[in-house]
């Protein structure tokens, strides 16, 4: 009879662990989605900045140039 009780206790702990793991995975998935949205916004803004810089140069080189005092 003791073995059955031990198994029931182990199953109970395993069920608790599985529930905790599910909560952790769900939380991480939410965080990953938020990070992806943030990265997507960052990429869009970077492209906008690059476009605005290339539009404003009118044929000038887009390479970074050091100021004359360097």
N, C-alpha and C. Protein backbone atom coordinates (compact mmCIF):
# COMPACT_ATOMS: atom_id res chain seq x y z
N UNK A 1 0.82 -1.19 0.00
CA UNK A 1 0.00 0.00 0.00
C UNK A 1 0.86 1.26 0.00
N UNK A 2 2.01 1.21 0.67
CA UNK A 2 2.92 2.34 0.74
C UNK A 2 3.40 2.74 -0.65
N UNK A 3 3.64 1.77 -1.52
CA UNK A 3 4.13 2.08 -2.86
C UNK A 3 3.10 2.87 -3.66
N UNK A 4 1.83 2.54 -3.49
CA UNK A 4 0.78 3.27 -4.20
C UNK A 4 0.71 4.71 -3.73
N UNK A 5 0.84 4.91 -2.42
CA UNK A 5 0.84 6.27 -1.88
C UNK A 5 2.04 7.06 -2.39
N UNK A 6 3.17 6.41 -2.45
CA UNK A 6 4.38 7.07 -2.98
C UNK A 6 4.18 7.48 -4.43
N UNK A 7 3.60 6.59 -5.21
CA UNK A 7 3.33 6.92 -6.61
C UNK A 7 2.33 8.07 -6.74
N UNK A 8 1.31 8.08 -5.90
CA UNK A 8 0.33 9.16 -5.93
C UNK A 8 0.99 10.50 -5.58
N UNK A 9 1.87 10.48 -4.63
CA UNK A 9 2.59 11.70 -4.23
C UNK A 9 3.49 12.17 -5.38
N UNK A 10 4.19 11.25 -6.00
CA UNK A 10 5.06 11.60 -7.11
C UNK A 10 4.26 12.18 -8.27
N UNK A 11 3.12 11.57 -8.56
CA UNK A 11 2.26 12.07 -9.65
C UNK A 11 1.77 13.46 -9.32
N UNK A 12 1.39 13.69 -8.09
CA UNK A 12 0.92 15.01 -7.67
C UNK A 12 2.01 16.06 -7.88
N UNK A 13 3.24 15.75 -7.46
CA UNK A 13 4.36 16.69 -7.65
C UNK A 13 4.63 16.91 -9.14
N UNK A 14 4.54 15.86 -9.93
CA UNK A 14 4.77 15.99 -11.36
C UNK A 14 3.70 16.86 -12.02
N UNK A 15 2.46 16.71 -11.60
CA UNK A 15 1.39 17.54 -12.14
C UNK A 15 1.61 19.01 -11.79
N UNK A 16 2.04 19.27 -10.57
CA UNK A 16 2.36 20.64 -10.17
C UNK A 16 3.50 21.21 -11.01
N UNK A 17 4.51 20.39 -11.22
CA UNK A 17 5.64 20.83 -12.01
C UNK A 17 5.24 21.12 -13.45
N UNK A 18 4.41 20.25 -14.02
CA UNK A 18 3.94 20.45 -15.39
C UNK A 18 3.15 21.75 -15.50
N UNK A 19 2.29 22.04 -14.54
CA UNK A 19 1.52 23.28 -14.55
C UNK A 19 2.45 24.49 -14.46
N UNK A 20 3.44 24.41 -13.61
CA UNK A 20 4.41 25.52 -13.48
C UNK A 20 5.19 25.71 -14.77
N UNK A 21 5.60 24.62 -15.40
CA UNK A 21 6.31 24.70 -16.67
C UNK A 21 5.42 25.31 -17.76
N UNK A 22 4.15 24.93 -17.78
CA UNK A 22 3.23 25.50 -18.75
C UNK A 22 3.09 27.01 -18.56
N UNK A 23 2.99 27.45 -17.30
CA UNK A 23 2.91 28.89 -17.03
C UNK A 23 4.18 29.61 -17.48
N UNK A 24 5.32 28.98 -17.23
CA UNK A 24 6.60 29.57 -17.63
C UNK A 24 6.69 29.68 -19.14
N UNK A 25 6.32 28.63 -19.85
CA UNK A 25 6.37 28.65 -21.31
C UNK A 25 5.41 29.70 -21.86
N UNK A 26 4.23 29.81 -21.30
CA UNK A 26 3.26 30.81 -21.76
C UNK A 26 3.79 32.22 -21.53
N UNK A 27 4.40 32.46 -20.37
CA UNK A 27 4.97 33.78 -20.08
C UNK A 27 6.12 34.09 -21.05
N UNK A 28 6.97 33.13 -21.29
CA UNK A 28 8.09 33.34 -22.21
C UNK A 28 7.59 33.59 -23.63
N UNK A 29 6.54 32.90 -24.04
CA UNK A 29 5.98 33.12 -25.37
C UNK A 29 5.46 34.54 -25.51
N UNK A 30 4.82 35.04 -24.46
CA UNK A 30 4.33 36.42 -24.47
C UNK A 30 5.50 37.40 -24.58
N UNK A 31 6.56 37.13 -23.83
CA UNK A 31 7.74 37.99 -23.89
C UNK A 31 8.40 37.95 -25.26
N UNK A 32 8.47 36.77 -25.85
CA UNK A 32 9.06 36.62 -27.19
C UNK A 32 8.25 37.42 -28.21
N UNK A 33 6.94 37.33 -28.13
CA UNK A 33 6.09 38.07 -29.06
C UNK A 33 6.29 39.58 -28.90
N UNK A 34 6.40 40.05 -27.66
CA UNK A 34 6.63 41.47 -27.42
C UNK A 34 7.99 41.90 -27.98
N UNK A 35 9.01 41.07 -27.79
CA UNK A 35 10.33 41.38 -28.32
C UNK A 35 10.33 41.40 -29.85
N UNK A 36 9.59 40.49 -30.46
CA UNK A 36 9.49 40.48 -31.93
C UNK A 36 8.83 41.74 -32.44
N UNK A 37 7.75 42.17 -31.76
CA UNK A 37 7.08 43.41 -32.17
C UNK A 37 8.02 44.60 -32.02
N UNK A 38 8.76 44.64 -30.92
CA UNK A 38 9.71 45.72 -30.71
C UNK A 38 10.80 45.72 -31.76
N UNK A 39 11.32 44.56 -32.09
CA UNK A 39 12.35 44.45 -33.12
C UNK A 39 11.81 44.89 -34.47
N UNK A 40 10.58 44.50 -34.78
CA UNK A 40 9.98 44.89 -36.04
C UNK A 40 9.83 46.42 -36.12
N UNK A 41 9.39 47.04 -35.04
CA UNK A 41 9.27 48.50 -35.01
C UNK A 41 10.64 49.15 -35.17
N UNK A 42 11.64 48.60 -34.49
CA UNK A 42 12.99 49.13 -34.59
C UNK A 42 13.49 49.04 -36.03
N UNK A 43 13.27 47.92 -36.69
CA UNK A 43 13.71 47.75 -38.07
C UNK A 43 13.00 48.74 -38.99
N UNK A 44 11.71 48.94 -38.77
CA UNK A 44 10.98 49.91 -39.59
C UNK A 44 11.53 51.31 -39.40
N UNK A 45 11.77 51.70 -38.16
CA UNK A 45 12.31 53.03 -37.89
C UNK A 45 13.71 53.19 -38.48
N UNK A 46 14.52 52.17 -38.39
CA UNK A 46 15.86 52.22 -38.96
C UNK A 46 15.78 52.40 -40.48
N UNK A 47 14.87 51.68 -41.13
CA UNK A 47 14.70 51.84 -42.57
C UNK A 47 14.24 53.25 -42.91
N UNK A 48 13.35 53.80 -42.10
CA UNK A 48 12.88 55.17 -42.34
C UNK A 48 14.03 56.17 -42.21
N UNK A 49 14.87 55.98 -41.20
CA UNK A 49 16.02 56.87 -41.02
C UNK A 49 16.98 56.74 -42.19
N UNK A 50 17.25 55.52 -42.61
CA UNK A 50 18.15 55.30 -43.73
C UNK A 50 17.59 55.94 -45.01
N UNK A 51 16.28 55.79 -45.23
CA UNK A 51 15.66 56.41 -46.40
C UNK A 51 15.74 57.93 -46.34
N UNK A 52 15.46 58.49 -45.17
CA UNK A 52 15.47 59.95 -45.05
C UNK A 52 16.89 60.49 -45.22
N UNK A 53 17.90 59.75 -44.76
CA UNK A 53 19.28 60.20 -44.94
C UNK A 53 19.70 60.10 -46.39
N UNK A 54 19.30 59.03 -47.06
CA UNK A 54 19.69 58.88 -48.46
C UNK A 54 18.93 59.87 -49.34
N UNK A 55 17.71 60.23 -48.96
CA UNK A 55 16.95 61.21 -49.72
C UNK A 55 17.53 62.61 -49.54
N UNK A 56 18.06 62.90 -48.40
CA UNK A 56 18.57 64.23 -48.12
C UNK A 56 19.96 64.49 -48.68
N UNK A 57 20.67 63.50 -49.10
CA UNK A 57 22.06 63.65 -49.56
C UNK A 57 22.14 64.10 -51.02
N UNK A 58 21.19 63.72 -51.86
CA UNK A 58 21.19 64.08 -53.28
C UNK A 58 22.53 63.82 -53.96
N UNK A 59 22.92 62.58 -54.01
CA UNK A 59 24.11 62.22 -54.75
C UNK A 59 25.37 62.19 -53.92
N UNK A 60 25.34 62.72 -52.72
CA UNK A 60 26.52 62.68 -51.87
C UNK A 60 26.72 61.26 -51.35
N UNK A 61 27.93 60.97 -50.96
CA UNK A 61 28.25 59.67 -50.41
C UNK A 61 27.58 59.51 -49.04
N UNK A 62 27.06 58.31 -48.78
CA UNK A 62 26.42 58.06 -47.49
C UNK A 62 27.42 57.53 -46.47
N UNK A 63 28.72 57.46 -46.85
CA UNK A 63 29.76 56.99 -45.92
C UNK A 63 29.96 58.04 -44.83
N UNK A 64 30.30 57.55 -43.67
CA UNK A 64 30.57 58.45 -42.54
C UNK A 64 31.90 59.14 -42.77
N UNK A 65 31.90 60.45 -42.59
CA UNK A 65 33.14 61.21 -42.74
C UNK A 65 33.51 61.84 -41.40
N UNK A 66 34.78 61.78 -41.04
CA UNK A 66 35.23 62.39 -39.80
C UNK A 66 35.28 63.90 -39.95
N UNK A 67 34.98 64.61 -38.90
CA UNK A 67 35.09 66.08 -38.95
C UNK A 67 36.55 66.48 -39.21
N UNK A 68 36.77 67.70 -39.69
CA UNK A 68 38.15 68.11 -40.06
C UNK A 68 39.14 68.13 -38.90
N UNK A 69 38.69 68.26 -37.68
CA UNK A 69 39.65 68.33 -36.57
C UNK A 69 40.19 66.96 -36.17
N UNK A 70 39.80 65.89 -36.84
CA UNK A 70 40.35 64.57 -36.52
C UNK A 70 41.51 64.24 -37.39
